[in-house]
PDB file of all heavy atoms in Angstrom:
ATOM      1  N   PRO A   1      12.644  -7.681  13.228  1.00  0.00           N
ATOM      2  CA  PRO A   1      11.810  -6.640  13.834  1.00  0.00           C
ATOM      3  C   PRO A   1      10.378  -6.684  13.318  1.00  0.00           C
ATOM      4  O   PRO A   1      10.083  -7.342  12.325  1.00  0.00           O
ATOM      5  CB  PRO A   1      12.479  -5.333  13.369  1.00  0.00           C
ATOM      6  CG  PRO A   1      13.609  -5.716  12.478  1.00  0.00           C
ATOM      7  CD  PRO A   1      13.516  -7.153  12.175  1.00  0.00           C
ATOM      8  N   VAL A   2       9.496  -5.957  14.013  1.00  0.00           N
ATOM      9  CA  VAL A   2       8.173  -5.675  13.477  1.00  0.00           C
ATOM     10  C   VAL A   2       8.272  -4.298  12.828  1.00  0.00           C
ATOM     11  O   VAL A   2       8.953  -3.407  13.343  1.00  0.00           O
ATOM     12  CB  VAL A   2       7.073  -5.738  14.571  1.00  0.00           C
ATOM     13  CG1 VAL A   2       7.302  -4.727  15.685  1.00  0.00           C
ATOM     14  CG2 VAL A   2       5.683  -5.543  13.983  1.00  0.00           C
ATOM     15  N   TYR A   3       7.660  -4.151  11.665  1.00  0.00           N
ATOM     16  CA  TYR A   3       7.714  -2.898  10.898  1.00  0.00           C
ATOM     17  C   TYR A   3       6.342  -2.244  10.884  1.00  0.00           C
ATOM     18  O   TYR A   3       5.325  -2.937  10.947  1.00  0.00           O
ATOM     19  CB  TYR A   3       8.102  -3.200   9.436  1.00  0.00           C
ATOM     20  CG  TYR A   3       9.589  -3.122   9.170  1.00  0.00           C
ATOM     21  CD1 TYR A   3      10.463  -4.041   9.745  1.00  0.00           C
ATOM     22  CD2 TYR A   3      10.127  -2.141   8.343  1.00  0.00           C
ATOM     23  CE1 TYR A   3      11.829  -3.979   9.503  1.00  0.00           C
ATOM     24  CE2 TYR A   3      11.486  -2.071   8.097  1.00  0.00           C
ATOM     25  CZ  TYR A   3      12.334  -2.988   8.670  1.00  0.00           C
ATOM     26  OH  TYR A   3      13.687  -2.911   8.435  1.00  0.00           O
ATOM     27  N   ALA A   4       6.328  -0.932  10.783  1.00  0.00           N
ATOM     28  CA  ALA A   4       5.063  -0.207  10.572  1.00  0.00           C
ATOM     29  C   ALA A   4       5.340   0.921   9.580  1.00  0.00           C
ATOM     30  O   ALA A   4       6.473   1.390   9.467  1.00  0.00           O
ATOM     31  CB  ALA A   4       4.539   0.362  11.882  1.00  0.00           C
ATOM     32  N   ALA A   5       4.294   1.313   8.876  1.00  0.00           N
ATOM     33  CA  ALA A   5       4.422   2.454   7.959  1.00  0.00           C
ATOM     34  C   ALA A   5       3.222   3.367   8.151  1.00  0.00           C
ATOM     35  O   ALA A   5       2.131   2.922   8.518  1.00  0.00           O
ATOM     36  CB  ALA A   5       4.499   1.980   6.513  1.00  0.00           C
ATOM     37  N   ALA A   6       3.451   4.649   7.929  1.00  0.00           N
ATOM     38  CA  ALA A   6       2.386   5.653   7.958  1.00  0.00           C
ATOM     39  C   ALA A   6       2.434   6.383   6.621  1.00  0.00           C
ATOM     40  O   ALA A   6       3.524   6.733   6.149  1.00  0.00           O
ATOM     41  CB  ALA A   6       2.614   6.633   9.101  1.00  0.00           C
ATOM     42  N   VAL A   7       1.282   6.584   6.010  1.00  0.00           N
ATOM     43  CA  VAL A   7       1.227   7.225   4.686  1.00  0.00           C
ATOM     44  C   VAL A   7       0.143   8.299   4.663  1.00  0.00           C
ATOM     45  O   VAL A   7      -0.984   8.051   5.099  1.00  0.00           O
ATOM     46  CB  VAL A   7       0.937   6.185   3.569  1.00  0.00           C
ATOM     47  CG1 VAL A   7       0.766   6.874   2.212  1.00  0.00           C
ATOM     48  CG2 VAL A   7       2.054   5.147   3.482  1.00  0.00           C
ATOM     49  N   ILE A   8       0.504   9.466   4.168  1.00  0.00           N
ATOM     50  CA  ILE A   8      -0.485  10.529   3.906  1.00  0.00           C
ATOM     51  C   ILE A   8      -0.629  10.630   2.388  1.00  0.00           C
ATOM     52  O   ILE A   8       0.346  10.890   1.682  1.00  0.00           O
ATOM     53  CB  ILE A   8      -0.026  11.891   4.474  1.00  0.00           C
ATOM     54  CG1 ILE A   8       0.136  11.807   6.001  1.00  0.00           C
ATOM     55  CG2 ILE A   8      -1.025  12.995   4.100  1.00  0.00           C
ATOM     56  CD1 ILE A   8       0.748  13.053   6.639  1.00  0.00           C
ATOM     57  N   LEU A   9      -1.835  10.394   1.910  1.00  0.00           N
ATOM     58  CA  LEU A   9      -2.105  10.521   0.468  1.00  0.00           C
ATOM     59  C   LEU A   9      -2.690  11.900   0.186  1.00  0.00           C
ATOM     60  O   LEU A   9      -3.323  12.497   1.065  1.00  0.00           O
ATOM     61  CB  LEU A   9      -3.122   9.460   0.023  1.00  0.00           C
ATOM     62  CG  LEU A   9      -2.670   7.993   0.072  1.00  0.00           C
ATOM     63  CD1 LEU A   9      -3.821   7.082  -0.333  1.00  0.00           C
ATOM     64  CD2 LEU A   9      -1.468   7.744  -0.831  1.00  0.00           C
ATOM     65  N   PRO A  10      -2.489  12.419  -1.030  1.00  0.00           N
ATOM     66  CA  PRO A  10      -3.171  13.670  -1.379  1.00  0.00           C
ATOM     67  C   PRO A  10      -4.688  13.477  -1.234  1.00  0.00           C
ATOM     68  O   PRO A  10      -5.196  12.376  -1.492  1.00  0.00           O
ATOM     69  CB  PRO A  10      -2.794  13.889  -2.856  1.00  0.00           C
ATOM     70  CG  PRO A  10      -1.570  13.055  -3.075  1.00  0.00           C
ATOM     71  CD  PRO A  10      -1.694  11.881  -2.151  1.00  0.00           C
ATOM     72  N   LYS A  11      -5.368  14.511  -0.813  1.00  0.00           N
ATOM     73  CA  LYS A  11      -6.821  14.423  -0.583  1.00  0.00           C
ATOM     74  C   LYS A  11      -7.528  13.907  -1.839  1.00  0.00           C
ATOM     75  O   LYS A  11      -7.284  14.399  -2.944  1.00  0.00           O
ATOM     76  CB  LYS A  11      -7.349  15.820  -0.217  1.00  0.00           C
ATOM     77  CG  LYS A  11      -8.705  15.784   0.442  1.00  0.00           C
ATOM     78  CD  LYS A  11      -9.062  17.150   1.006  1.00  0.00           C
ATOM     79  CE  LYS A  11     -10.397  17.133   1.703  1.00  0.00           C
ATOM     80  NZ  LYS A  11     -10.696  18.401   2.367  1.00  0.00           N
ATOM     81  N   GLY A  12      -8.361  12.886  -1.641  1.00  0.00           N
ATOM     82  CA  GLY A  12      -9.137  12.351  -2.764  1.00  0.00           C
ATOM     83  C   GLY A  12      -8.362  11.440  -3.696  1.00  0.00           C
ATOM     84  O   GLY A  12      -8.877  11.019  -4.732  1.00  0.00           O
ATOM     85  N   HIS A  13      -7.142  11.094  -3.323  1.00  0.00           N
ATOM     86  CA  HIS A  13      -6.280  10.324  -4.227  1.00  0.00           C
ATOM     87  C   HIS A  13      -6.266   8.836  -3.888  1.00  0.00           C
ATOM     88  O   HIS A  13      -6.110   8.455  -2.735  1.00  0.00           O
ATOM     89  CB  HIS A  13      -4.849  10.873  -4.152  1.00  0.00           C
ATOM     90  CG  HIS A  13      -3.922  10.266  -5.174  1.00  0.00           C
ATOM     91  ND1 HIS A  13      -4.080  10.442  -6.516  1.00  0.00           N
ATOM     92  CD2 HIS A  13      -2.819   9.473  -5.026  1.00  0.00           C
ATOM     93  CE1 HIS A  13      -3.116   9.802  -7.163  1.00  0.00           C
ATOM     94  NE2 HIS A  13      -2.337   9.198  -6.283  1.00  0.00           N
ATOM     95  N   ILE A  14      -6.438   8.008  -4.922  1.00  0.00           N
ATOM     96  CA  ILE A  14      -6.274   6.554  -4.771  1.00  0.00           C
ATOM     97  C   ILE A  14      -5.135   6.143  -5.688  1.00  0.00           C
ATOM     98  O   ILE A  14      -5.091   6.529  -6.849  1.00  0.00           O
ATOM     99  CB  ILE A  14      -7.570   5.805  -5.177  1.00  0.00           C
ATOM    100  CG1 ILE A  14      -8.715   6.140  -4.214  1.00  0.00           C
ATOM    101  CG2 ILE A  14      -7.336   4.293  -5.201  1.00  0.00           C
ATOM    102  CD1 ILE A  14     -10.061   5.587  -4.625  1.00  0.00           C
ATOM    103  N   ILE A  15      -4.198   5.381  -5.171  1.00  0.00           N
ATOM    104  CA  ILE A  15      -3.091   4.890  -6.005  1.00  0.00           C
ATOM    105  C   ILE A  15      -3.570   3.622  -6.702  1.00  0.00           C
ATOM    106  O   ILE A  15      -3.959   2.647  -6.053  1.00  0.00           O
ATOM    107  CB  ILE A  15      -1.831   4.631  -5.163  1.00  0.00           C
ATOM    108  CG1 ILE A  15      -1.336   5.965  -4.575  1.00  0.00           C
ATOM    109  CG2 ILE A  15      -0.739   3.978  -5.999  1.00  0.00           C
ATOM    110  CD1 ILE A  15      -0.253   5.845  -3.541  1.00  0.00           C
ATOM    111  N   GLU A  16      -3.551   3.646  -8.014  1.00  0.00           N
ATOM    112  CA  GLU A  16      -4.088   2.535  -8.792  1.00  0.00           C
ATOM    113  C   GLU A  16      -3.367   1.228  -8.464  1.00  0.00           C
ATOM    114  O   GLU A  16      -2.144   1.174  -8.427  1.00  0.00           O
ATOM    115  CB  GLU A  16      -3.930   2.851 -10.287  1.00  0.00           C
ATOM    116  CG  GLU A  16      -4.919   2.085 -11.140  1.00  0.00           C
ATOM    117  CD  GLU A  16      -4.733   2.400 -12.617  1.00  0.00           C
ATOM    118  OE1 GLU A  16      -4.490   3.582 -12.946  1.00  0.00           O
ATOM    119  OE2 GLU A  16      -4.821   1.478 -13.411  1.00  0.00           O
ATOM    120  N   GLY A  17      -4.156   0.190  -8.203  1.00  0.00           N
ATOM    121  CA  GLY A  17      -3.558  -1.122  -7.942  1.00  0.00           C
ATOM    122  C   GLY A  17      -3.291  -1.405  -6.480  1.00  0.00           C
ATOM    123  O   GLY A  17      -3.017  -2.532  -6.087  1.00  0.00           O
ATOM    124  N   VAL A  18      -3.381  -0.363  -5.647  1.00  0.00           N
ATOM    125  CA  VAL A  18      -3.084  -0.560  -4.219  1.00  0.00           C
ATOM    126  C   VAL A  18      -4.197  -1.383  -3.573  1.00  0.00           C
ATOM    127  O   VAL A  18      -5.375  -1.145  -3.793  1.00  0.00           O
ATOM    128  CB  VAL A  18      -2.906   0.798  -3.500  1.00  0.00           C
ATOM    129  CG1 VAL A  18      -3.063   0.651  -2.002  1.00  0.00           C
ATOM    130  CG2 VAL A  18      -1.530   1.366  -3.804  1.00  0.00           C
ATOM    131  N   ASN A  19      -3.777  -2.369  -2.801  1.00  0.00           N
ATOM    132  CA  ASN A  19      -4.716  -3.233  -2.088  1.00  0.00           C
ATOM    133  C   ASN A  19      -3.999  -3.746  -0.851  1.00  0.00           C
ATOM    134  O   ASN A  19      -2.811  -3.494  -0.672  1.00  0.00           O
ATOM    135  CB  ASN A  19      -5.128  -4.407  -3.002  1.00  0.00           C
ATOM    136  CG  ASN A  19      -6.435  -5.064  -2.564  1.00  0.00           C
ATOM    137  OD1 ASN A  19      -6.804  -5.001  -1.397  1.00  0.00           O
ATOM    138  ND2 ASN A  19      -7.125  -5.688  -3.497  1.00  0.00           N
ATOM    139  N   ASP A  20      -4.722  -4.475  -0.028  1.00  0.00           N
ATOM    140  CA  ASP A  20      -4.107  -5.146   1.118  1.00  0.00           C
ATOM    141  C   ASP A  20      -2.868  -5.900   0.619  1.00  0.00           C
ATOM    142  O   ASP A  20      -2.951  -6.708  -0.300  1.00  0.00           O
ATOM    143  CB  ASP A  20      -5.156  -6.108   1.699  1.00  0.00           C
ATOM    144  CG  ASP A  20      -4.592  -7.091   2.694  1.00  0.00           C
ATOM    145  OD1 ASP A  20      -3.420  -6.947   3.069  1.00  0.00           O
ATOM    146  OD2 ASP A  20      -5.338  -7.994   3.096  1.00  0.00           O
ATOM    147  N   SER A  21      -1.698  -5.632   1.221  1.00  0.00           N
ATOM    148  CA  SER A  21      -0.440  -6.198   0.712  1.00  0.00           C
ATOM    149  C   SER A  21      -0.456  -7.722   0.684  1.00  0.00           C
ATOM    150  O   SER A  21       0.214  -8.339  -0.140  1.00  0.00           O
ATOM    151  CB  SER A  21       0.740  -5.713   1.562  1.00  0.00           C
ATOM    152  OG  SER A  21       0.627  -6.186   2.886  1.00  0.00           O
ATOM    153  N   LYS A  22      -1.256  -8.348   1.568  1.00  0.00           N
ATOM    154  CA  LYS A  22      -1.296  -9.819   1.608  1.00  0.00           C
ATOM    155  C   LYS A  22      -1.964 -10.394   0.354  1.00  0.00           C
ATOM    156  O   LYS A  22      -1.787 -11.561   0.040  1.00  0.00           O
ATOM    157  CB  LYS A  22      -2.046 -10.292   2.861  1.00  0.00           C
ATOM    158  CG  LYS A  22      -1.321  -9.959   4.164  1.00  0.00           C
ATOM    159  CD  LYS A  22      -2.016 -10.532   5.392  1.00  0.00           C
ATOM    160  CE  LYS A  22      -3.231  -9.759   5.827  1.00  0.00           C
ATOM    161  NZ  LYS A  22      -2.961  -8.354   6.234  1.00  0.00           N
ATOM    162  N   LYS A  23      -2.736  -9.572  -0.340  1.00  0.00           N
ATOM    163  CA  LYS A  23      -3.446 -10.063  -1.529  1.00  0.00           C
ATOM    164  C   LYS A  23      -2.632  -9.852  -2.812  1.00  0.00           C
ATOM    165  O   LYS A  23      -3.080 -10.198  -3.895  1.00  0.00           O
ATOM    166  CB  LYS A  23      -4.796  -9.341  -1.664  1.00  0.00           C
ATOM    167  CG  LYS A  23      -5.753  -9.673  -0.544  1.00  0.00           C
ATOM    168  CD  LYS A  23      -7.032  -8.882  -0.686  1.00  0.00           C
ATOM    169  CE  LYS A  23      -7.985  -9.191   0.482  1.00  0.00           C
ATOM    170  NZ  LYS A  23      -9.068  -8.216   0.568  1.00  0.00           N
ATOM    171  N   LEU A  24      -1.448  -9.258  -2.687  1.00  0.00           N
ATOM    172  CA  LEU A  24      -0.648  -8.929  -3.864  1.00  0.00           C
ATOM    173  C   LEU A  24       0.577  -9.826  -3.958  1.00  0.00           C
ATOM    174  O   LEU A  24       1.113 -10.268  -2.945  1.00  0.00           O
ATOM    175  CB  LEU A  24      -0.180  -7.462  -3.782  1.00  0.00           C
ATOM    176  CG  LEU A  24      -1.281  -6.406  -3.669  1.00  0.00           C
ATOM    177  CD1 LEU A  24      -0.679  -5.062  -3.273  1.00  0.00           C
ATOM    178  CD2 LEU A  24      -2.043  -6.263  -4.978  1.00  0.00           C
ATOM    179  N   SER A  25       1.032 -10.066  -5.181  1.00  0.00           N
ATOM    180  CA  SER A  25       2.265 -10.847  -5.355  1.00  0.00           C
ATOM    181  C   SER A  25       3.458  -9.992  -4.947  1.00  0.00           C
ATOM    182  O   SER A  25       3.365  -8.761  -4.879  1.00  0.00           O
ATOM    183  CB  SER A  25       2.419 -11.247  -6.826  1.00  0.00           C
ATOM    184  OG  SER A  25       2.662 -10.078  -7.608  1.00  0.00           O
ATOM    185  N   GLU A  26       4.578 -10.646  -4.696  1.00  0.00           N
ATOM    186  CA  GLU A  26       5.783  -9.912  -4.287  1.00  0.00           C
ATOM    187  C   GLU A  26       6.191  -8.891  -5.367  1.00  0.00           C
ATOM    188  O   GLU A  26       6.542  -7.760  -5.062  1.00  0.00           O
ATOM    189  CB  GLU A  26       6.920 -10.911  -4.038  1.00  0.00           C
ATOM    190  CG  GLU A  26       8.106 -10.277  -3.345  1.00  0.00           C
ATOM    191  CD  GLU A  26       9.122 -11.287  -2.828  1.00  0.00           C
ATOM    192  OE1 GLU A  26       8.798 -12.483  -2.731  1.00  0.00           O
ATOM    193  OE2 GLU A  26      10.248 -10.856  -2.519  1.00  0.00           O
ATOM    194  N   LYS A  27       6.093  -9.320  -6.621  1.00  0.00           N
ATOM    195  CA  LYS A  27       6.466  -8.444  -7.744  1.00  0.00           C
ATOM    196  C   LYS A  27       5.567  -7.196  -7.762  1.00  0.00           C
ATOM    197  O   LYS A  27       6.030  -6.070  -7.908  1.00  0.00           O
ATOM    198  CB  LYS A  27       6.325  -9.230  -9.052  1.00  0.00           C
ATOM    199  CG  LYS A  27       6.776  -8.472 -10.298  1.00  0.00           C
ATOM    200  CD  LYS A  27       6.755  -9.401 -11.507  1.00  0.00           C
ATOM    201  CE  LYS A  27       7.144  -8.665 -12.772  1.00  0.00           C
ATOM    202  NZ  LYS A  27       6.124  -7.738 -13.250  1.00  0.00           N
ATOM    203  N   LYS A  28       4.263  -7.435  -7.569  1.00  0.00           N
ATOM    204  CA  LYS A  28       3.303  -6.322  -7.587  1.00  0.00           C
ATOM    205  C   LYS A  28       3.554  -5.380  -6.404  1.00  0.00           C
ATOM    206  O   LYS A  28       3.500  -4.155  -6.542  1.00  0.00           O
ATOM    207  CB  LYS A  28       1.866  -6.895  -7.531  1.00  0.00           C
ATOM    208  CG  LYS A  28       0.777  -5.870  -7.769  1.00  0.00           C
ATOM    209  CD  LYS A  28       0.727  -5.424  -9.222  1.00  0.00           C
ATOM    210  CE  LYS A  28      -0.285  -4.331  -9.428  1.00  0.00           C
ATOM    211  NZ  LYS A  28       0.050  -3.436 -10.528  1.00  0.00           N
ATOM    212  N   ARG A  29       3.846  -5.951  -5.235  1.00  0.00           N
ATOM    213  CA  ARG A  29       4.135  -5.115  -4.061  1.00  0.00           C
ATOM    214  C   ARG A  29       5.350  -4.232  -4.308  1.00  0.00           C
ATOM    215  O   ARG A  29       5.362  -3.058  -3.946  1.00  0.00           O
ATOM    216  CB  ARG A  29       4.375  -5.984  -2.819  1.00  0.00           C
ATOM    217  CG  ARG A  29       3.123  -6.525  -2.193  1.00  0.00           C
ATOM    218  CD  ARG A  29       3.366  -7.009  -0.771  1.00  0.00           C
ATOM    219  NE  ARG A  29       4.346  -8.064  -0.673  1.00  0.00           N
ATOM    220  CZ  ARG A  29       4.062  -9.362  -0.651  1.00  0.00           C
ATOM    221  NH1 ARG A  29       2.809  -9.754  -0.723  1.00  0.00           N
ATOM    222  NH2 ARG A  29       5.025 -10.260  -0.536  1.00  0.00           N
TER     223      ARG A  29
END
């Protein structure tokens, strides 16, 4: 299948380490 995700973050919040998934290793993802 093709997958999609939708995410609502708390206002003003950045999750440390989050980046385009293609730029991350499998372990990091």
